[in-house]
Amino acid sequence: NQDGPSPVRPKRFFSPAIAPTGLAFCSGCALGPAAEGALFFATFNTSDLWRVTLEPGRTTVRGQAVVYHHSASILSLERSPAGTLYLSDAAGIYRLTVA
């Protein structure tokens, strides 16, 4: 938001624009130590799954990377009550695992 008396700028910009379809924090998601505590989000238009590493206070982005490219547009990303991360596309629902 660039308007108003106290504008707040986004932490990250994407060019070209992305279409996020879900986000979830990894907490016991069984994707390995690098994933624990990270924020994951999926994109519809690029079919990518991103991992975002945040500073401990979760106010600053330390790093981000595409960690998986899906074969179709990702419709949703969700975390189960048990901590497992799932993504979906038009054909089904997929559990994320370490390859």
PDB file of N, CA and C in Angstrom:
ATOM      1  N   ASN A   1       0.843  -1.159   0.000  1.00  0.00           N
ATOM      2  CA  ASN A   1       0.000   0.000   0.000  1.00  0.00           C
ATOM      3  C   ASN A   1       0.897   1.232   0.000  1.00  0.00           C
ATOM      4  N   GLN A   2       0.796   2.015  -1.036  1.00  0.00           N
ATOM      5  CA  GLN A   2       1.625   3.214  -1.140  1.00  0.00           C
ATOM      6  C   GLN A   2       0.860   4.476  -0.759  1.00  0.00           C
ATOM      7  N   ASP A   3      -0.396   4.345  -0.361  1.00  0.00           N
ATOM      8  CA  ASP A   3      -1.237   5.496  -0.068  1.00  0.00           C
ATOM      9  C   ASP A   3      -1.394   5.698   1.426  1.00  0.00           C
ATOM     10  N   GLY A   4      -1.919   6.844   1.793  1.00  0.00           N
ATOM     11  CA  GLY A   4      -2.212   7.133   3.185  1.00  0.00           C
ATOM     12  C   GLY A   4      -1.028   7.725   3.920  1.00  0.00           C
ATOM     13  N   PRO A   5      -1.242   8.105   5.173  1.00  0.00           N
ATOM     14  CA  PRO A   5      -0.202   8.784   5.942  1.00  0.00           C
ATOM     15  C   PRO A   5       0.932   7.866   6.399  1.00  0.00           C
ATOM     16  N   SER A   6       0.683   6.574   6.533  1.00  0.00           N
ATOM     17  CA  SER A   6       1.712   5.629   6.988  1.00  0.00           C
ATOM     18  C   SER A   6       1.722   4.389   6.102  1.00  0.00           C
ATOM     19  N   PRO A   7       2.222   4.506   4.877  1.00  0.00           N
ATOM     20  CA  PRO A   7       2.191   3.352   3.972  1.00  0.00           C
ATOM     21  C   PRO A   7       3.056   2.202   4.499  1.00  0.00           C
ATOM     22  N   VAL A   8       2.606   1.002   4.249  1.00  0.00           N
ATOM     23  CA  VAL A   8       3.335  -0.207   4.628  1.00  0.00           C
ATOM     24  C   VAL A   8       3.698  -0.941   3.346  1.00  0.00           C
ATOM     25  N   ARG A   9       4.969  -1.117   3.124  1.00  0.00           N
ATOM     26  CA  ARG A   9       5.442  -1.781   1.914  1.00  0.00           C
ATOM     27  C   ARG A   9       5.492  -3.293   2.147  1.00  0.00           C
ATOM     28  N   PRO A  10       5.214  -4.089   1.120  1.00  0.00           N
ATOM     29  CA  PRO A  10       5.312  -5.540   1.255  1.00  0.00           C
ATOM     30  C   PRO A  10       6.746  -5.978   1.557  1.00  0.00           C
ATOM     31  N   LYS A  11       6.901  -7.112   2.209  1.00  0.00           N
ATOM     32  CA  LYS A  11       8.227  -7.661   2.495  1.00  0.00           C
ATOM     33  C   LYS A  11       8.890  -8.183   1.228  1.00  0.00           C
ATOM     34  N   ARG A  12       8.085  -8.677   0.273  1.00  0.00           N
ATOM     35  CA  ARG A  12       8.604  -9.219  -0.983  1.00  0.00           C
ATOM     36  C   ARG A  12       7.691  -8.823  -2.136  1.00  0.00           C
ATOM     37  N   PHE A  13       8.301  -8.602  -3.293  1.00  0.00           N
ATOM     38  CA  PHE A  13       7.590  -8.362  -4.542  1.00  0.00           C
ATOM     39  C   PHE A  13       7.909  -9.507  -5.488  1.00  0.00           C
ATOM     40  N   PHE A  14       7.002  -9.829  -6.390  1.00  0.00           N
ATOM     41  CA  PHE A  14       7.243 -10.845  -7.401  1.00  0.00           C
ATOM     42  C   PHE A  14       6.936 -10.249  -8.761  1.00  0.00           C
ATOM     43  N   SER A  15       7.894 -10.398  -9.666  1.00  0.00           N
ATOM     44  CA  SER A  15       7.714  -9.924 -11.027  1.00  0.00           C
ATOM     45  C   SER A  15       8.257 -10.985 -11.972  1.00  0.00           C
ATOM     46  N   PRO A  16       7.411 -11.567 -12.805  1.00  0.00           N
ATOM     47  CA  PRO A  16       5.998 -11.263 -12.950  1.00  0.00           C
ATOM     48  C   PRO A  16       5.204 -11.674 -11.709  1.00  0.00           C
ATOM     49  N   ALA A  17       3.985 -11.171 -11.640  1.00  0.00           N
ATOM     50  CA  ALA A  17       3.128 -11.432 -10.485  1.00  0.00           C
ATOM     51  C   ALA A  17       2.832 -12.927 -10.343  1.00  0.00           C
ATOM     52  N   ILE A  18       2.649 -13.357  -9.106  1.00  0.00           N
ATOM     53  CA  ILE A  18       2.273 -14.740  -8.832  1.00  0.00           C
ATOM     54  C   ILE A  18       0.839 -14.762  -8.303  1.00  0.00           C
ATOM     55  N   ALA A  19       0.254 -15.943  -8.267  1.00  0.00           N
ATOM     56  CA  ALA A  19      -1.108 -16.113  -7.751  1.00  0.00           C
ATOM     57  C   ALA A  19      -1.058 -17.124  -6.614  1.00  0.00           C
ATOM     58  N   PRO A  20      -0.788 -16.667  -5.374  1.00  0.00           N
ATOM     59  CA  PRO A  20      -0.709 -17.599  -4.243  1.00  0.00           C
ATOM     60  C   PRO A  20      -2.047 -18.300  -4.001  1.00  0.00           C
ATOM     61  N   THR A  21      -1.975 -19.595  -3.683  1.00  0.00           N
ATOM     62  CA  THR A  21      -3.202 -20.370  -3.491  1.00  0.00           C
ATOM     63  C   THR A  21      -3.274 -21.012  -2.114  1.00  0.00           C
ATOM     64  N   GLY A  22      -2.317 -20.808  -1.288  1.00  0.00           N
ATOM     65  CA  GLY A  22      -2.356 -21.344   0.060  1.00  0.00           C
ATOM     66  C   GLY A  22      -1.005 -21.178   0.715  1.00  0.00           C
ATOM     67  N   LEU A  23      -1.017 -21.128   2.048  1.00  0.00           N
ATOM     68  CA  LEU A  23       0.244 -21.066   2.774  1.00  0.00           C
ATOM     69  C   LEU A  23       0.094 -21.792   4.091  1.00  0.00           C
ATOM     70  N   ALA A  24       1.225 -22.299   4.581  1.00  0.00           N
ATOM     71  CA  ALA A  24       1.212 -23.053   5.834  1.00  0.00           C
ATOM     72  C   ALA A  24       2.608 -23.039   6.437  1.00  0.00           C
ATOM     73  N   PHE A  25       2.661 -22.991   7.754  1.00  0.00           N
ATOM     74  CA  PHE A  25       3.925 -23.136   8.456  1.00  0.00           C
ATOM     75  C   PHE A  25       4.200 -24.615   8.675  1.00  0.00           C
ATOM     76  N   CYS A  26       5.452 -25.005   8.524  1.00  0.00           N
ATOM     77  CA  CYS A  26       5.854 -26.378   8.805  1.00  0.00           C
ATOM     78  C   CYS A  26       6.171 -26.490  10.289  1.00  0.00           C
ATOM     79  N   SER A  27       5.399 -27.302  10.957  1.00  0.00           N
ATOM     80  CA  SER A  27       5.637 -27.606  12.357  1.00  0.00           C
ATOM     81  C   SER A  27       5.390 -29.097  12.522  1.00  0.00           C
ATOM     82  N   GLY A  28       6.468 -29.865  12.527  1.00  0.00           N
ATOM     83  CA  GLY A  28       6.327 -31.311  12.567  1.00  0.00           C
ATOM     84  C   GLY A  28       5.820 -31.878  11.254  1.00  0.00           C
ATOM     85  N   CYS A  29       6.178 -31.246  10.141  1.00  0.00           N
ATOM     86  CA  CYS A  29       5.656 -31.668   8.835  1.00  0.00           C
ATOM     87  C   CYS A  29       6.460 -32.802   8.202  1.00  0.00           C
ATOM     88  N   ALA A  30       7.528 -33.221   8.848  1.00  0.00           N
ATOM     89  CA  ALA A  30       8.343 -34.357   8.387  1.00  0.00           C
ATOM     90  C   ALA A  30       9.022 -34.108   7.041  1.00  0.00           C
ATOM     91  N   LEU A  31       9.369 -32.845   6.766  1.00  0.00           N
ATOM     92  CA  LEU A  31      10.088 -32.524   5.534  1.00  0.00           C
ATOM     93  C   LEU A  31      11.565 -32.232   5.787  1.00  0.00           C
ATOM     94  N   GLY A  32      12.045 -32.565   6.959  1.00  0.00           N
ATOM     95  CA  GLY A  32      13.460 -32.384   7.273  1.00  0.00           C
ATOM     96  C   GLY A  32      13.728 -31.128   8.050  1.00  0.00           C
ATOM     97  N   PRO A  33      14.950 -31.024   8.604  1.00  0.00           N
ATOM     98  CA  PRO A  33      15.298 -29.899   9.474  1.00  0.00           C
ATOM     99  C   PRO A  33      15.230 -28.531   8.787  1.00  0.00           C
ATOM    100  N   ALA A  34      15.549 -28.465   7.504  1.00  0.00           N
ATOM    101  CA  ALA A  34      15.518 -27.172   6.797  1.00  0.00           C
ATOM    102  C   ALA A  34      14.101 -26.637   6.653  1.00  0.00           C
ATOM    103  N   ALA A  35      13.112 -27.520   6.729  1.00  0.00           N
ATOM    104  CA  ALA A  35      11.721 -27.113   6.562  1.00  0.00           C
ATOM    105  C   ALA A  35      11.067 -26.713   7.880  1.00  0.00           C
ATOM    106  N   GLU A  36      11.581 -27.223   8.984  1.00  0.00           N
ATOM    107  CA  GLU A  36      10.943 -26.984  10.281  1.00  0.00           C
ATOM    108  C   GLU A  36      10.886 -25.491  10.595  1.00  0.00           C
ATOM    109  N   GLY A  37       9.684 -24.995  10.845  1.00  0.00           N
ATOM    110  CA  GLY A  37       9.482 -23.586  11.159  1.00  0.00           C
ATOM    111  C   GLY A  37       9.360 -22.683   9.942  1.00  0.00           C
ATOM    112  N   ALA A  38       9.597 -23.216   8.745  1.00  0.00           N
ATOM    113  CA  ALA A  38       9.517 -22.409   7.528  1.00  0.00           C
ATOM    114  C   ALA A  38       8.062 -22.209   7.110  1.00  0.00           C
ATOM    115  N   LEU A  39       7.845 -21.154   6.359  1.00  0.00           N
ATOM    116  CA  LEU A  39       6.553 -20.868   5.765  1.00  0.00           C
ATOM    117  C   LEU A  39       6.577 -21.391   4.334  1.00  0.00           C
ATOM    118  N   PHE A  40       5.579 -22.158   3.958  1.00  0.00           N
ATOM    119  CA  PHE A  40       5.455 -22.655   2.590  1.00  0.00           C
ATOM    120  C   PHE A  40       4.251 -21.995   1.947  1.00  0.00           C
ATOM    121  N   PHE A  41       4.369 -21.674   0.645  1.00  0.00           N
ATOM    122  CA  PHE A  41       3.200 -21.222  -0.092  1.00  0.00           C
ATOM    123  C   PHE A  41       3.250 -21.762  -1.507  1.00  0.00           C
ATOM    124  N   ALA A  42       2.061 -21.939  -2.086  1.00  0.00           N
ATOM    125  CA  ALA A  42       1.925 -22.494  -3.429  1.00  0.00           C
ATOM    126  C   ALA A  42       1.429 -21.407  -4.370  1.00  0.00           C
ATOM    127  N   THR A  43       1.731 -21.581  -5.670  1.00  0.00           N
ATOM    128  CA  THR A  43       1.273 -20.622  -6.666  1.00  0.00           C
ATOM    129  C   THR A  43       0.507 -21.334  -7.772  1.00  0.00           C
ATOM    130  N   PHE A  44      -0.572 -20.705  -8.180  1.00  0.00           N
ATOM    131  CA  PHE A  44      -1.422 -21.269  -9.229  1.00  0.00           C
ATOM    132  C   PHE A  44      -0.788 -21.108 -10.605  1.00  0.00           C
ATOM    133  N   ASN A  45      -0.356 -19.893 -10.935  1.00  0.00           N
ATOM    134  CA  ASN A  45       0.081 -19.620 -12.303  1.00  0.00           C
ATOM    135  C   ASN A  45       1.457 -20.180 -12.642  1.00  0.00           C
ATOM    136  N   THR A  46       2.300 -20.453 -11.660  1.00  0.00           N
ATOM    137  CA  THR A  46       3.624 -21.023 -11.953  1.00  0.00           C
ATOM    138  C   THR A  46       3.758 -22.465 -11.467  1.00  0.00           C
ATOM    139  N   SER A  47       2.763 -22.973 -10.743  1.00  0.00           N
ATOM    140  CA  SER A  47       2.752 -24.359 -10.228  1.00  0.00           C
ATOM    141  C   SER A  47       3.935 -24.645  -9.311  1.00  0.00           C
ATOM    142  N   ASP A  48       4.375 -23.634  -8.572  1.00  0.00           N
ATOM    143  CA  ASP A  48       5.540 -23.784  -7.707  1.00  0.00           C
ATOM    144  C   ASP A  48       5.152 -23.861  -6.233  1.00  0.00           C
ATOM    145  N   LEU A  49       5.987 -24.558  -5.485  1.00  0.00           N
ATOM    146  CA  LEU A  49       5.889 -24.571  -4.031  1.00  0.00           C
ATOM    147  C   LEU A  49       7.131 -23.865  -3.518  1.00  0.00           C
ATOM    148  N   TRP A  50       6.937 -22.829  -2.732  1.00  0.00           N
ATOM    149  CA  TRP A  50       8.023 -22.013  -2.197  1.00  0.00           C
ATOM    150  C   TRP A  50       8.230 -22.301  -0.716  1.00  0.00           C
ATOM    151  N   ARG A  51       9.487 -22.252  -0.284  1.00  0.00           N
ATOM    152  CA  ARG A  51       9.820 -22.287   1.145  1.00  0.00           C
ATOM    153  C   ARG A  51      10.408 -20.931   1.506  1.00  0.00           C
ATOM    154  N   VAL A  52       9.867 -20.311   2.547  1.00  0.00           N
ATOM    155  CA  VAL A  52      10.340 -19.010   3.015  1.00  0.00           C
ATOM    156  C   VAL A  52      10.898 -19.203   4.416  1.00  0.00           C
ATOM    157  N   THR A  53      12.157 -18.832   4.598  1.00  0.00           N
ATOM    158  CA  THR A  53      12.794 -18.890   5.902  1.00  0.00           C
ATOM    159  C   THR A  53      12.703 -17.507   6.530  1.00  0.00           C
ATOM    160  N   LEU A  54      12.181 -17.459   7.736  1.00  0.00           N
ATOM    161  CA  LEU A  54      11.993 -16.192   8.431  1.00  0.00           C
ATOM    162  C   LEU A  54      12.953 -16.078   9.609  1.00  0.00           C
ATOM    163  N   GLU A  55      13.214 -14.837  10.017  1.00  0.00           N
ATOM    164  CA  GLU A  55      13.967 -14.603  11.248  1.00  0.00           C
ATOM    165  C   GLU A  55      13.115 -15.107  12.416  1.00  0.00           C
ATOM    166  N   PRO A  56      13.717 -15.378  13.571  1.00  0.00           N
ATOM    167  CA  PRO A  56      12.957 -15.919  14.701  1.00  0.00           C
ATOM    168  C   PRO A  56      11.695 -15.136  15.065  1.00  0.00           C
ATOM    169  N   GLY A  57      11.707 -13.818  14.939  1.00  0.00           N
ATOM    170  CA  GLY A  57      10.521 -13.029  15.251  1.00  0.00           C
ATOM    171  C   GLY A  57       9.460 -13.044  14.158  1.00  0.00           C
ATOM    172  N   ARG A  58       9.760 -13.681  13.031  1.00  0.00           N
ATOM    173  CA  ARG A  58       8.872 -13.807  11.875  1.00  0.00           C
ATOM    174  C   ARG A  58       8.470 -12.457  11.288  1.00  0.00           C
ATOM    175  N   THR A  59       9.348 -11.460  11.407  1.00  0.00           N
ATOM    176  CA  THR A  59       9.060 -10.154  10.816  1.00  0.00           C
ATOM    177  C   THR A  59       9.949  -9.847   9.625  1.00  0.00           C
ATOM    178  N   THR A  60      10.987 -10.654   9.398  1.00  0.00           N
ATOM    179  CA  THR A  60      11.937 -10.430   8.312  1.00  0.00           C
ATOM    180  C   THR A  60      12.171 -11.731   7.561  1.00  0.00           C
ATOM    181  N   VAL A  61      12.158 -11.637   6.251  1.00  0.00           N
ATOM    182  CA  VAL A  61      12.440 -12.799   5.409  1.00  0.00           C
ATOM    183  C   VAL A  61      13.942 -12.975   5.315  1.00  0.00           C
ATOM    184  N   ARG A  62      14.427 -14.144   5.705  1.00  0.00           N
ATOM    185  CA  ARG A  62      15.851 -14.468   5.621  1.00  0.00           C
ATOM    186  C   ARG A  62      16.199 -15.045   4.245  1.00  0.00           C
ATOM    187  N   GLY A  63      15.278 -15.816   3.671  1.00  0.00           N
ATOM    188  CA  GLY A  63      15.520 -16.416   2.364  1.00  0.00           C
ATOM    189  C   GLY A  63      14.261 -17.056   1.822  1.00  0.00           C
ATOM    190  N   GLN A  64      14.245 -17.270   0.526  1.00  0.00           N
ATOM    191  CA  GLN A  64      13.113 -17.935  -0.109  1.00  0.00           C
ATOM    192  C   GLN A  64      13.604 -18.691  -1.327  1.00  0.00           C
ATOM    193  N   ALA A  65      12.931 -19.793  -1.643  1.00  0.00           N
ATOM    194  CA  ALA A  65      13.327 -20.601  -2.787  1.00  0.00           C
ATOM    195  C   ALA A  65      12.166 -21.479  -3.227  1.00  0.00           C
ATOM    196  N   VAL A  66      12.107 -21.744  -4.520  1.00  0.00           N
ATOM    197  CA  VAL A  66      11.174 -22.736  -5.036  1.00  0.00           C
ATOM    198  C   VAL A  66      11.762 -24.093  -4.684  1.00  0.00           C
ATOM    199  N   VAL A  67      10.988 -24.922  -3.976  1.00  0.00           N
ATOM    200  CA  VAL A  67      11.482 -26.233  -3.561  1.00  0.00           C
ATOM    201  C   VAL A  67      10.816 -27.380  -4.319  1.00  0.00           C
ATOM    202  N   TYR A  68       9.790 -27.050  -5.096  1.00  0.00           N
ATOM    203  CA  TYR A  68       9.106 -28.084  -5.880  1.00  0.00           C
ATOM    204  C   TYR A  68       8.321 -27.411  -6.992  1.00  0.00           C
ATOM    205  N   HIS A  69       8.370 -28.012  -8.188  1.00  0.00           N
ATOM    206  CA  HIS A  69       7.552 -27.547  -9.307  1.00  0.00           C
ATOM    207  C   HIS A  69       6.576 -28.664  -9.647  1.00  0.00           C
ATOM    208  N   HIS A  70       5.298 -28.383  -9.535  1.00  0.00           N
ATOM    209  CA  HIS A  70       4.252 -29.372  -9.781  1.00  0.00           C
ATOM    210  C   HIS A  70       3.916 -29.409 -11.272  1.00  0.00           C
ATOM    211  N   SER A  71       3.341 -30.500 -11.719  1.00  0.00           N
ATOM    212  CA  SER A  71       3.029 -30.669 -13.141  1.00  0.00           C
ATOM    213  C   SER A  71       1.752 -29.943 -13.574  1.00  0.00           C
ATOM    214  N   ALA A  72       0.980 -29.436 -12.619  1.00  0.00           N
ATOM    215  CA  ALA A  72      -0.259 -28.725 -12.936  1.00  0.00           C
ATOM    216  C   ALA A  72      -0.421 -27.556 -11.962  1.00  0.00           C
ATOM    217  N   SER A  73      -1.352 -26.681 -12.256  1.00  0.00           N
ATOM    218  CA  SER A  73      -1.605 -25.539 -11.375  1.00  0.00           C
ATOM    219  C   SER A  73      -2.016 -26.016  -9.986  1.00  0.00           C
ATOM    220  N   ILE A  74      -1.397 -25.459  -8.963  1.00  0.00           N
ATOM    221  CA  ILE A  74      -1.707 -25.835  -7.579  1.00  0.00           C
ATOM    222  C   ILE A  74      -2.912 -25.020  -7.121  1.00  0.00           C
ATOM    223  N   LEU A  75      -3.941 -25.728  -6.666  1.00  0.00           N
ATOM    224  CA  LEU A  75      -5.174 -25.070  -6.239  1.00  0.00           C
ATOM    225  C   LEU A  75      -5.171 -24.722  -4.763  1.00  0.00           C
ATOM    226  N   SER A  76      -4.451 -25.504  -3.948  1.00  0.00           N
ATOM    227  CA  SER A  76      -4.478 -25.275  -2.508  1.00  0.00           C
ATOM    228  C   SER A  76      -3.262 -25.899  -1.848  1.00  0.00           C
ATOM    229  N   LEU A  77      -2.876 -25.340  -0.714  1.00  0.00           N
ATOM    230  CA  LEU A  77      -1.848 -25.899   0.150  1.00  0.00           C
ATOM    231  C   LEU A  77      -2.400 -25.843   1.559  1.00  0.00           C
ATOM    232  N   GLU A  78      -2.366 -26.974   2.258  1.00  0.00           N
ATOM    233  CA  GLU A  78      -2.949 -27.043   3.600  1.00  0.00           C
ATOM    234  C   GLU A  78      -2.047 -27.850   4.519  1.00  0.00           C
ATOM    235  N   ARG A  79      -2.177 -27.591   5.820  1.00  0.00           N
ATOM    236  CA  ARG A  79      -1.471 -28.349   6.856  1.00  0.00           C
ATOM    237  C   ARG A  79      -2.512 -29.134   7.634  1.00  0.00           C
ATOM    238  N   SER A  80      -2.281 -30.440   7.798  1.00  0.00           N
ATOM    239  CA  SER A  80      -3.219 -31.267   8.558  1.00  0.00           C
ATOM    240  C   SER A  80      -3.027 -31.024  10.050  1.00  0.00           C
ATOM    241  N   PRO A  81      -3.979 -31.432  10.887  1.00  0.00           N
ATOM    242  CA  PRO A  81      -3.804 -31.305  12.340  1.00  0.00           C
ATOM    243  C   PRO A  81      -2.551 -32.031  12.840  1.00  0.00           C
ATOM    244  N   ALA A  82      -2.123 -33.064  12.129  1.00  0.00           N
ATOM    245  CA  ALA A  82      -0.919 -33.809  12.510  1.00  0.00           C
ATOM    246  C   ALA A  82       0.357 -33.123  12.038  1.00  0.00           C
ATOM    247  N   GLY A  83       0.243 -32.067  11.223  1.00  0.00           N
ATOM    248  CA  GLY A  83       1.412 -31.332  10.761  1.00  0.00           C
ATOM    249  C   GLY A  83       1.806 -31.596   9.323  1.00  0.00           C
ATOM    250  N   THR A  84       1.302 -32.638   8.702  1.00  0.00           N
ATOM    251  CA  THR A  84       1.645 -32.979   7.327  1.00  0.00           C
ATOM    252  C   THR A  84       1.128 -31.910   6.369  1.00  0.00           C
ATOM    253  N   LEU A  85       1.930 -31.589   5.342  1.00  0.00           N
ATOM    254  CA  LEU A  85       1.511 -30.623   4.329  1.00  0.00           C
ATOM    255  C   LEU A  85       0.954 -31.360   3.113  1.00  0.00           C
ATOM    256  N   TYR A  86      -0.135 -30.830   2.575  1.00  0.00           N
ATOM    257  CA  TYR A  86      -0.788 -31.382   1.394  1.00  0.00           C
ATOM    258  C   TYR A  86      -0.998 -30.282   0.376  1.00  0.00           C
ATOM    259  N   LEU A  87      -0.897 -30.634  -0.916  1.00  0.00           N
ATOM    260  CA  LEU A  87      -1.281 -29.711  -1.965  1.00  0.00           C
ATOM    261  C   LEU A  87      -2.287 -30.406  -2.861  1.00  0.00           C
ATOM    262  N   SER A  88      -3.068 -29.603  -3.572  1.00  0.00           N
ATOM    263  CA  SER A  88      -4.051 -30.180  -4.483  1.00  0.00           C
ATOM    264  C   SER A  88      -3.973 -29.486  -5.834  1.00  0.00           C
ATOM    265  N   ASP A  89      -4.374 -30.254  -6.860  1.00  0.00           N
ATOM    266  CA  ASP A  89      -4.565 -29.707  -8.192  1.00  0.00           C
ATOM    267  C   ASP A  89      -5.920 -30.215  -8.675  1.00  0.00           C
ATOM    268  N   ALA A  90      -6.266 -30.005  -9.917  1.00  0.00           N
ATOM    269  CA  ALA A  90      -7.576 -30.408 -10.420  1.00  0.00           C
ATOM    270  C   ALA A  90      -7.758 -31.924 -10.411  1.00  0.00           C
ATOM    271  N   ALA A  91      -6.674 -32.683 -10.374  1.00  0.00           N
ATOM    272  CA  ALA A  91      -6.756 -34.145 -10.446  1.00  0.00           C
ATOM    273  C   ALA A  91      -6.732 -34.844  -9.083  1.00  0.00           C
ATOM    274  N   GLY A  92      -6.222 -34.177  -8.027  1.00  0.00           N
ATOM    275  CA  GLY A  92      -6.150 -34.881  -6.755  1.00  0.00           C
ATOM    276  C   GLY A  92      -5.476 -34.097  -5.647  1.00  0.00           C
ATOM    277  N   ILE A  93      -5.285 -34.793  -4.539  1.00  0.00           N
ATOM    278  CA  ILE A  93      -4.630 -34.249  -3.355  1.00  0.00           C
ATOM    279  C   ILE A  93      -3.354 -35.046  -3.121  1.00  0.00           C
ATOM    280  N   TYR A  94      -2.256 -34.347  -2.816  1.00  0.00           N
ATOM    281  CA  TYR A  94      -0.945 -34.982  -2.700  1.00  0.00           C
ATOM    282  C   TYR A  94      -0.304 -34.623  -1.365  1.00  0.00           C
ATOM    283  N   ARG A  95       0.236 -35.622  -0.692  1.00  0.00           N
ATOM    284  CA  ARG A  95       0.973 -35.418   0.560  1.00  0.00           C
ATOM    285  C   ARG A  95       2.416 -35.090   0.217  1.00  0.00           C
ATOM    286  N   LEU A  96       2.960 -34.063   0.825  1.00  0.00           N
ATOM    287  CA  LEU A  96       4.350 -33.685   0.567  1.00  0.00           C
ATOM    288  C   LEU A  96       5.271 -34.556   1.406  1.00  0.00           C
ATOM    289  N   THR A  97       6.308 -35.086   0.783  1.00  0.00           N
ATOM    290  CA  THR A  97       7.287 -35.920   1.454  1.00  0.00           C
ATOM    291  C   THR A  97       8.689 -35.529   0.987  1.00  0.00           C
ATOM    292  N   VAL A  98       9.686 -35.994   1.697  1.00  0.00           N
ATOM    293  CA  VAL A  98      11.063 -35.761   1.297  1.00  0.00           C
ATOM    294  C   VAL A  98      11.441 -36.806   0.260  1.00  0.00           C
ATOM    295  N   ALA A  99      12.008 -36.361  -0.850  1.00  0.00           N
ATOM    296  CA  ALA A  99      12.379 -37.292  -1.933  1.00  0.00           C
ATOM    297  C   ALA A  99      13.663 -38.014  -1.610  1.00  0.00           C
TER     298      ALA A  99
END
